[in-house]
Protein backbone atom coordinates (compact mmCIF):
# COMPACT_ATOMS: atom_id res chain seq x y z
CA UNK A 1 71.92 134.03 71.86
CA UNK A 2 75.71 134.13 71.55
CA UNK A 3 75.95 135.33 75.13
CA UNK A 4 73.85 132.38 76.34
CA UNK A 5 76.12 130.01 74.41
CA UNK A 6 79.22 131.49 76.10
CA UNK A 7 77.60 131.27 79.53
CA UNK A 8 76.67 127.62 78.95
CA UNK A 9 80.17 126.79 77.68
CA UNK A 10 81.75 128.55 80.64
CA UNK A 11 79.48 126.64 83.01
CA UNK A 12 80.38 123.32 81.35
CA UNK A 13 84.10 124.07 81.55
CA UNK A 14 83.71 125.02 85.22
CA UNK A 15 81.82 121.81 86.00
CA UNK A 16 84.34 119.68 84.13
CA UNK A 17 87.28 121.16 86.02
CA UNK A 18 85.49 121.23 89.39
CA UNK A 19 84.77 117.50 89.36
CA UNK A 20 87.85 115.59 90.36
CA UNK A 21 88.60 112.48 88.38
CA UNK A 22 90.59 111.09 91.31
CA UNK A 23 88.63 108.86 93.60
CA UNK A 24 88.56 109.67 97.32
CA UNK A 25 90.05 107.19 99.75
CA UNK A 26 86.60 106.50 101.21
CA UNK A 27 85.23 105.76 97.72
CA UNK A 28 88.18 103.46 97.06
CA UNK A 29 87.46 101.51 100.26
CA UNK A 30 83.79 101.13 99.35
CA UNK A 31 84.54 100.10 95.76
CA UNK A 32 87.18 97.57 96.84
CA UNK A 33 85.23 95.96 99.67
CA UNK A 34 83.46 93.51 97.37
CA UNK A 35 86.55 92.72 95.28
CA UNK A 36 87.68 89.12 96.04
CA UNK A 37 91.36 90.20 95.94
CA UNK A 38 90.78 92.37 99.02
CA UNK A 39 90.23 91.73 102.68
CA UNK A 40 88.31 94.60 104.27
CA UNK A 41 87.32 95.10 107.90
CA UNK A 42 86.88 97.75 110.58
CA UNK A 43 88.45 97.64 114.01
CA UNK A 44 86.66 99.54 116.82
CA UNK A 45 88.74 101.22 119.51
CA UNK A 46 87.07 99.04 122.14
CA UNK A 47 89.18 96.10 120.92
CA UNK A 48 92.25 97.77 122.45
CA UNK A 49 91.05 96.74 125.94
CA UNK A 50 91.99 100.05 127.53
CA UNK A 51 88.99 100.13 129.86
CA UNK A 52 91.00 98.14 132.44
CA UNK A 53 94.15 100.28 132.17
CA UNK A 54 94.66 103.42 134.21
CA UNK A 55 95.19 106.17 131.67
CA UNK A 56 96.69 109.63 132.08
CA UNK A 57 94.62 112.62 131.00
CA UNK A 58 96.64 112.85 127.75
CA UNK A 59 96.07 109.15 127.03
CA UNK A 60 92.33 109.51 127.72
CA UNK A 61 92.23 112.50 125.40
CA UNK A 62 94.00 110.51 122.69
CA UNK A 63 91.66 107.54 123.13
CA UNK A 64 88.59 109.78 122.94
CA UNK A 65 89.89 111.35 119.72
CA UNK A 66 90.27 107.91 118.11
CA UNK A 67 87.16 106.41 116.48
CA UNK A 68 88.14 103.32 114.49
CA UNK A 69 90.51 101.75 112.01
CA UNK A 70 89.51 100.77 108.48
CA UNK A 71 91.73 98.03 107.09
CA UNK A 72 91.99 97.10 103.42
CA UNK A 73 94.51 94.50 102.30
CA UNK A 74 95.32 93.16 98.82
CA UNK A 75 97.02 89.76 98.71
CA UNK A 76 99.15 89.40 95.60
CA UNK A 77 99.09 86.02 93.85
CA UNK A 78 100.46 84.77 90.54
CA UNK A 79 96.92 85.11 89.12
CA UNK A 80 96.32 88.77 90.05
CA UNK A 81 99.64 90.48 89.27
CA UNK A 82 98.07 92.90 86.78
CA UNK A 83 95.22 93.72 89.15
CA UNK A 84 97.75 94.25 91.96
CA UNK A 85 99.65 96.82 89.86
CA UNK A 86 96.42 98.58 88.85
CA UNK A 87 95.15 98.80 92.43
CA UNK A 88 98.51 99.95 93.78
CA UNK A 89 98.60 102.68 91.13
CA UNK A 90 95.09 103.82 92.12
CA UNK A 91 96.03 104.05 95.81
CA UNK A 92 99.21 106.00 95.06
CA UNK A 93 97.22 108.44 92.89
CA UNK A 94 94.71 109.00 95.71
CA UNK A 95 97.47 109.55 98.26
CA UNK A 96 99.14 112.15 96.02
CA UNK A 97 96.16 114.43 96.71
CA UNK A 98 97.42 117.73 98.14
CA UNK A 99 95.09 117.35 101.14
CA UNK A 100 97.31 114.53 102.46
CA UNK A 101 100.45 115.58 104.32
CA UNK A 102 103.28 113.11 104.58
CA UNK A 103 104.31 112.21 108.10
CA UNK A 104 107.02 109.67 107.29
CA UNK A 105 108.29 106.90 105.04
CA UNK A 106 109.49 103.64 106.52
CA UNK A 107 111.50 100.71 105.16
CA UNK A 108 111.00 97.55 107.18
CA UNK A 109 111.76 93.86 106.69
CA UNK A 110 108.06 93.53 105.78
CA UNK A 111 108.17 96.13 102.98
CA UNK A 112 107.91 99.87 102.47
CA UNK A 113 105.32 102.07 104.16
CA UNK A 114 104.16 105.64 103.83
CA UNK A 115 102.25 107.39 106.59
CA UNK A 116 100.15 110.42 105.68
CA UNK A 117 97.48 112.43 107.44
CA UNK A 118 94.54 114.73 106.85
CA UNK A 119 94.00 117.76 109.07
CA UNK A 120 96.32 120.07 110.92
CA UNK A 121 99.57 118.75 112.38
CA UNK A 122 98.24 119.14 115.93
CA UNK A 123 94.60 118.21 115.15
CA UNK A 124 94.65 115.23 112.78
CA UNK A 125 91.35 113.76 111.56
CA UNK A 126 92.72 110.79 109.64
CA UNK A 127 96.02 108.94 109.48
CA UNK A 128 96.66 106.70 106.48
CA UNK A 129 99.25 103.96 106.46
CA UNK A 130 100.06 102.46 103.06
CA UNK A 131 102.38 99.47 103.23
CA UNK A 132 103.57 97.53 100.22
CA UNK A 133 105.51 94.33 99.74
CA UNK A 134 106.23 93.40 96.11
CA UNK A 135 105.84 89.70 96.85
CA UNK A 136 102.85 89.64 99.22
CA UNK A 137 100.65 92.64 98.35
CA UNK A 138 99.69 95.86 100.06
CA UNK A 139 97.91 97.10 103.15
CA UNK A 140 95.96 100.32 103.53
CA UNK A 141 94.92 101.37 107.03
CA UNK A 142 92.85 104.43 107.85
CA UNK A 143 92.99 105.56 111.46
CA UNK A 144 89.89 107.71 111.86
CA UNK A 145 89.42 110.20 114.64
CA UNK A 146 88.76 113.80 115.48
CA UNK A 147 91.49 116.27 116.34
CA UNK A 148 94.04 113.55 117.09
CA UNK A 149 97.24 114.92 118.57
CA UNK A 150 100.38 113.01 117.51
CA UNK A 151 102.09 113.52 120.89
CA UNK A 152 99.06 112.13 122.72
CA UNK A 153 98.90 109.21 120.30
CA UNK A 154 102.43 108.18 121.26
CA UNK A 155 101.28 108.09 124.88
CA UNK A 156 98.26 106.03 123.84
CA UNK A 157 100.57 103.51 122.17
CA UNK A 158 102.43 103.21 125.47
CA UNK A 159 99.11 102.56 127.24
CA UNK A 160 98.22 99.86 124.70
CA UNK A 161 101.53 98.17 125.48
CA UNK A 162 100.48 98.03 129.15
CA UNK A 163 97.04 96.60 128.35
CA UNK A 164 95.94 93.01 127.73
CA UNK A 165 95.69 93.69 123.99
CA UNK A 166 97.48 90.97 122.02
CA UNK A 167 96.61 91.96 118.44
CA UNK A 168 93.07 90.58 118.40
CA UNK A 169 91.13 91.66 115.35
CA UNK A 170 94.16 91.51 113.10
CA UNK A 171 94.43 87.71 112.82
CA UNK A 172 92.76 87.92 109.40
CA UNK A 173 95.74 89.92 108.15
CA UNK A 174 98.24 87.44 109.49
CA UNK A 175 96.38 84.61 107.75
CA UNK A 176 96.12 86.62 104.54
CA UNK A 177 99.83 87.37 104.22
CA UNK A 178 101.28 84.10 105.56
CA UNK A 179 102.27 81.66 102.88
């Protein structure tokens, strides 16, 4: 009987430590989608209008590795300051997960941003951009793909610059953060 007790206790300890208390980024997106403080939308790669641009093989490869962007934005107001701090803390805790590798940190006139990724350095499955402005709120963008190559992605950005794409699909963000 004592042996059974020890086995059960060991199993309970294992289960308690195996279950992570930190939410995944996907779970955070789903949980936040219905929150009125957030704007949430997906952007398909077809919006980039690259079907009319002649792409190199590397650019085609990069485009094929890209699936979509998930955008989640929190607009800070005088009424939701506490909620803003809570949500920002949750996002930072999620992004501290050891599975995320930091690519870079950026300071811009629009605020601070951190860019992280999941996957291998030459075969990235997800890029996460977390931008924060203390006055306006924060933005969380997931770039989802399969085996994305950073060098090819830079070439894809060059191709987007040559296309007719003028930022369509992101007007909601501009309206959200303009005062």
